[in-house]
Amino acid sequence: MSKLERNWQYAEQYPSETDALVRARRLSLELGIEPVSRSVGAYLSGIAALNKAEAIFEVGTGVGVSGLSLLRHLPNATLTSIEIEPEHLREARTVFAEAGIPAARLRLIEGDALHVMPRLNLGAYDLVLLNANTTQLLDYFEHALSIVRPGGCVIVPSAFTHGQVPDPAARDEATQTMRDLLALVSDSPAIAAMLSPAGDGVLTIVRLDG
């Protein structure tokens, strides 16, 4: 194992998780959902706290691992989360309730994010997480950039698409879509982009003022 691999493994094992997060992660795996990794969960918690986010929007609820991570250090923040799978959303409601998060802080929506996002208020969110279908990512991102406030951020986990993005031989649609997004954000003067190797890669885009 190389030093870089040991560093990555150490970073993955380092973060502690609440009991609620441990239960949600276990349930995710039982249902065949791939949740964000521990290091990515810690990254989300830290960025949300650093951003002092009050209004958070998420595409892809799963059963609540990423949502719990986002709300972990923000006792007054609200989360709007969209999930297309009704079973996952039902489980997420239970997970959030068992974690002691009041229903008033949650707006869990069953449906297609591409039908919901165009109806949201512009600049209404401090942080947007896109944790869903990679092949529709460019459409999600277009809407996300309009609903996040200046100074707020859009976060895209799985930015390496299971290690495919750095592999020049990988040409599948999901991988190419992610490459297109990475190229788009690296060239835009309206945003600041950061790519972290945490988990399967995390892309963070800050919407600049003006």
Protein backbone atom coordinates (compact mmCIF):
# COMPACT_ATOMS: atom_id res chain seq x y z
CA MET A 1 0.00 0.00 0.00
CA SER A 2 1.38 3.41 -0.98
CA LYS A 3 1.64 6.40 1.39
CA LEU A 4 -1.20 8.11 -0.47
CA GLU A 5 -3.41 5.06 -0.03
CA ARG A 6 -2.57 4.91 3.69
CA ASN A 7 -3.35 8.62 4.01
CA TRP A 8 -6.72 8.12 2.31
CA GLN A 9 -7.55 5.10 4.48
CA TYR A 10 -6.62 6.96 7.64
CA ALA A 11 -8.78 9.94 6.63
CA GLU A 12 -11.71 7.60 5.98
CA GLN A 13 -11.43 5.94 9.38
CA TYR A 14 -10.71 9.10 11.38
CA PRO A 15 -14.15 10.77 11.72
CA SER A 16 -16.43 9.83 14.60
CA GLU A 17 -20.15 9.45 13.97
CA THR A 18 -23.23 9.84 16.11
CA ASP A 19 -25.32 6.80 16.95
CA ALA A 20 -27.98 8.07 14.56
CA LEU A 21 -25.47 8.26 11.72
CA VAL A 22 -24.20 4.75 12.45
CA ARG A 23 -27.76 3.40 12.33
CA ALA A 24 -28.56 5.30 9.13
CA ARG A 25 -25.38 4.05 7.45
CA ARG A 26 -26.19 0.45 8.41
CA LEU A 27 -29.75 0.79 7.11
CA SER A 28 -28.47 2.29 3.84
CA LEU A 29 -26.29 -0.73 3.21
CA GLU A 30 -29.15 -3.10 4.06
CA LEU A 31 -31.31 -1.37 1.43
CA GLY A 32 -28.57 -1.37 -1.20
CA ILE A 33 -27.99 2.39 -0.98
CA GLU A 34 -24.42 3.66 -1.18
CA PRO A 35 -24.21 6.44 1.43
CA VAL A 36 -21.53 9.10 1.53
CA SER A 37 -18.42 7.79 3.27
CA ARG A 38 -17.45 8.77 6.80
CA SER A 39 -14.89 11.29 5.62
CA VAL A 40 -17.37 12.84 3.21
CA GLY A 41 -19.99 12.98 5.96
CA ALA A 42 -17.49 14.81 8.17
CA TYR A 43 -16.66 17.13 5.28
CA LEU A 44 -20.36 17.96 4.84
CA SER A 45 -20.74 18.63 8.56
CA GLY A 46 -17.74 20.93 8.58
CA ILE A 47 -18.62 22.87 5.44
CA ALA A 48 -22.20 23.38 6.63
CA ALA A 49 -20.93 24.67 9.98
CA LEU A 50 -18.29 26.89 8.36
CA ASN A 51 -20.95 28.26 6.02
CA LYS A 52 -23.27 28.83 9.02
CA ALA A 53 -25.98 27.40 6.81
CA GLU A 54 -29.55 28.07 7.82
CA ALA A 55 -31.31 26.76 4.72
CA ILE A 56 -29.98 23.58 3.08
CA PHE A 57 -31.24 21.84 -0.04
CA GLU A 58 -30.44 18.25 -0.97
CA VAL A 59 -31.09 16.11 -4.03
CA GLY A 60 -31.04 12.45 -3.00
CA THR A 61 -32.22 11.86 0.57
CA GLY A 62 -31.38 8.17 0.70
CA VAL A 63 -32.26 7.24 4.26
CA GLY A 64 -30.67 10.31 5.77
CA VAL A 65 -26.90 9.80 6.13
CA SER A 66 -25.98 12.96 4.24
CA GLY A 67 -28.86 14.92 5.76
CA LEU A 68 -27.84 14.00 9.31
CA SER A 69 -24.27 14.98 8.46
CA LEU A 70 -25.34 18.37 7.13
CA LEU A 71 -27.45 19.14 10.20
CA ARG A 72 -25.03 17.70 12.76
CA HIS A 73 -23.58 21.00 14.05
CA LEU A 74 -26.47 23.26 13.07
CA PRO A 75 -29.28 23.00 15.65
CA ASN A 76 -31.41 25.66 13.93
CA ALA A 77 -30.87 24.87 10.24
CA THR A 78 -33.65 23.54 8.01
CA LEU A 79 -33.25 20.84 5.38
CA THR A 80 -35.28 20.45 2.19
CA SER A 81 -34.53 17.08 0.64
CA ILE A 82 -35.89 15.37 -2.47
CA GLU A 83 -35.96 11.61 -2.98
CA ILE A 84 -37.52 9.71 -5.86
CA GLU A 85 -37.79 6.36 -4.02
CA PRO A 86 -40.80 6.35 -1.64
CA GLU A 87 -39.43 3.49 0.50
CA HIS A 88 -36.20 5.37 1.11
CA LEU A 89 -38.08 8.50 2.07
CA ARG A 90 -40.25 6.59 4.55
CA GLU A 91 -37.14 5.19 6.20
CA ALA A 92 -35.52 8.62 6.23
CA ARG A 93 -38.46 10.11 8.11
CA THR A 94 -37.99 7.47 10.81
CA VAL A 95 -34.23 8.01 10.91
CA PHE A 96 -34.59 11.77 11.38
CA ALA A 97 -37.27 11.33 14.02
CA GLU A 98 -35.15 8.84 15.98
CA ALA A 99 -32.25 11.31 15.78
CA GLY A 100 -34.44 13.87 17.54
CA ILE A 101 -34.67 16.31 14.63
CA PRO A 102 -38.04 18.15 14.80
CA ALA A 103 -40.31 17.79 11.79
CA ALA A 104 -40.45 21.59 11.56
CA ARG A 105 -36.80 21.59 10.46
CA LEU A 106 -37.42 19.11 7.65
CA ARG A 107 -39.15 19.29 4.31
CA LEU A 108 -38.89 15.84 2.76
CA ILE A 109 -40.30 15.66 -0.76
CA GLU A 110 -41.00 12.58 -2.85
CA GLY A 111 -40.49 13.25 -6.54
CA ASP A 112 -38.17 14.15 -9.38
CA ALA A 113 -35.78 16.96 -8.47
CA LEU A 114 -35.84 18.31 -12.01
CA HIS A 115 -39.57 18.98 -11.60
CA VAL A 116 -39.15 20.60 -8.18
CA MET A 117 -36.00 22.71 -8.46
CA PRO A 118 -37.30 25.14 -11.13
CA ARG A 119 -40.09 26.15 -8.73
CA LEU A 120 -37.77 27.09 -5.86
CA ASN A 121 -36.90 30.67 -4.95
CA LEU A 122 -33.70 32.07 -6.42
CA GLY A 123 -30.82 32.50 -3.98
CA ALA A 124 -32.85 30.94 -1.17
CA TYR A 125 -30.33 28.36 0.07
CA ASP A 126 -26.96 28.57 1.78
CA LEU A 127 -25.84 25.10 0.71
CA VAL A 128 -27.01 22.67 -1.96
CA LEU A 129 -25.98 19.00 -2.03
CA LEU A 130 -26.33 17.07 -5.29
CA ASN A 131 -26.18 13.42 -4.25
CA ALA A 132 -28.15 11.74 -7.01
CA ASN A 133 -28.25 10.46 -10.60
CA THR A 134 -24.94 11.43 -12.19
CA THR A 135 -26.25 11.40 -15.75
CA GLN A 136 -28.59 14.31 -14.90
CA LEU A 137 -25.94 16.19 -12.98
CA LEU A 138 -25.52 19.09 -15.39
CA ASP A 139 -29.25 19.84 -15.21
CA TYR A 140 -29.19 19.62 -11.41
CA PHE A 141 -26.19 21.91 -11.27
CA GLU A 142 -27.80 24.56 -13.47
CA HIS A 143 -30.75 24.79 -11.09
CA ALA A 144 -28.54 24.50 -7.99
CA LEU A 145 -26.45 27.49 -8.98
CA SER A 146 -29.60 29.60 -9.29
CA ILE A 147 -31.09 28.63 -5.90
CA VAL A 148 -27.91 28.97 -3.84
CA ARG A 149 -27.12 32.46 -2.54
CA PRO A 150 -23.96 34.36 -3.47
CA GLY A 151 -21.28 33.10 -1.09
CA GLY A 152 -23.12 29.80 -0.68
CA CYS A 153 -21.90 26.50 -2.05
CA VAL A 154 -22.96 23.53 -4.14
CA ILE A 155 -21.42 20.18 -3.16
CA VAL A 156 -21.21 17.13 -5.43
CA PRO A 157 -20.02 13.86 -3.85
CA SER A 158 -18.78 10.88 -5.91
CA ALA A 159 -16.87 13.31 -8.11
CA PHE A 160 -14.53 10.53 -9.23
CA THR A 161 -17.52 8.30 -10.18
CA HIS A 162 -16.08 5.17 -8.53
CA GLY A 163 -12.59 6.03 -9.72
CA GLN A 164 -13.63 6.30 -13.35
CA VAL A 165 -13.07 10.02 -13.92
CA PRO A 166 -9.25 9.87 -13.63
CA ASP A 167 -9.17 6.84 -15.95
CA PRO A 168 -8.86 8.03 -19.59
CA ALA A 169 -10.19 4.68 -20.81
CA ALA A 170 -13.52 5.19 -19.01
CA ARG A 171 -16.05 6.66 -21.45
CA ASP A 172 -19.46 5.80 -19.95
CA GLU A 173 -22.17 8.46 -19.76
CA ALA A 174 -21.95 9.08 -16.00
CA THR A 175 -18.19 9.49 -16.11
CA GLN A 176 -18.31 11.84 -19.08
CA THR A 177 -21.03 13.92 -17.45
CA MET A 178 -18.89 14.38 -14.36
CA ARG A 179 -15.90 15.33 -16.51
CA ASP A 180 -18.08 17.88 -18.30
CA LEU A 181 -19.11 19.40 -14.97
CA LEU A 182 -15.52 19.53 -13.74
CA ALA A 183 -14.46 21.29 -16.94
CA LEU A 184 -17.39 23.71 -16.73
CA VAL A 185 -16.73 24.85 -13.18
CA SER A 186 -12.98 25.14 -13.64
CA ASP A 187 -13.45 27.72 -16.42
CA SER A 188 -16.20 29.90 -14.94
CA PRO A 189 -15.25 33.29 -13.42
CA ALA A 190 -18.52 33.30 -11.46
CA ILE A 191 -17.60 30.41 -9.18
CA ALA A 192 -14.70 29.02 -7.16
CA ALA A 193 -14.30 25.24 -7.44
CA MET A 194 -12.44 22.84 -5.14
CA LEU A 195 -11.92 19.11 -5.71
CA SER A 196 -11.15 16.96 -2.66
CA PRO A 197 -10.04 13.29 -2.73
CA ALA A 198 -12.23 12.47 0.30
CA GLY A 199 -14.30 9.35 -0.25
CA ASP A 200 -14.91 8.95 -3.98
CA GLY A 201 -14.07 12.61 -4.50
CA VAL A 202 -16.00 15.72 -3.46
CA LEU A 203 -16.48 18.73 -5.72
CA THR A 204 -17.36 21.96 -3.92
CA ILE A 205 -18.44 25.02 -5.88
CA VAL A 206 -18.78 28.43 -4.23
CA ARG A 207 -21.04 30.95 -5.97
CA LEU A 208 -19.12 34.21 -5.99
CA ASP A 209 -20.66 37.62 -5.32
CA GLY A 210 -21.71 39.63 -8.32
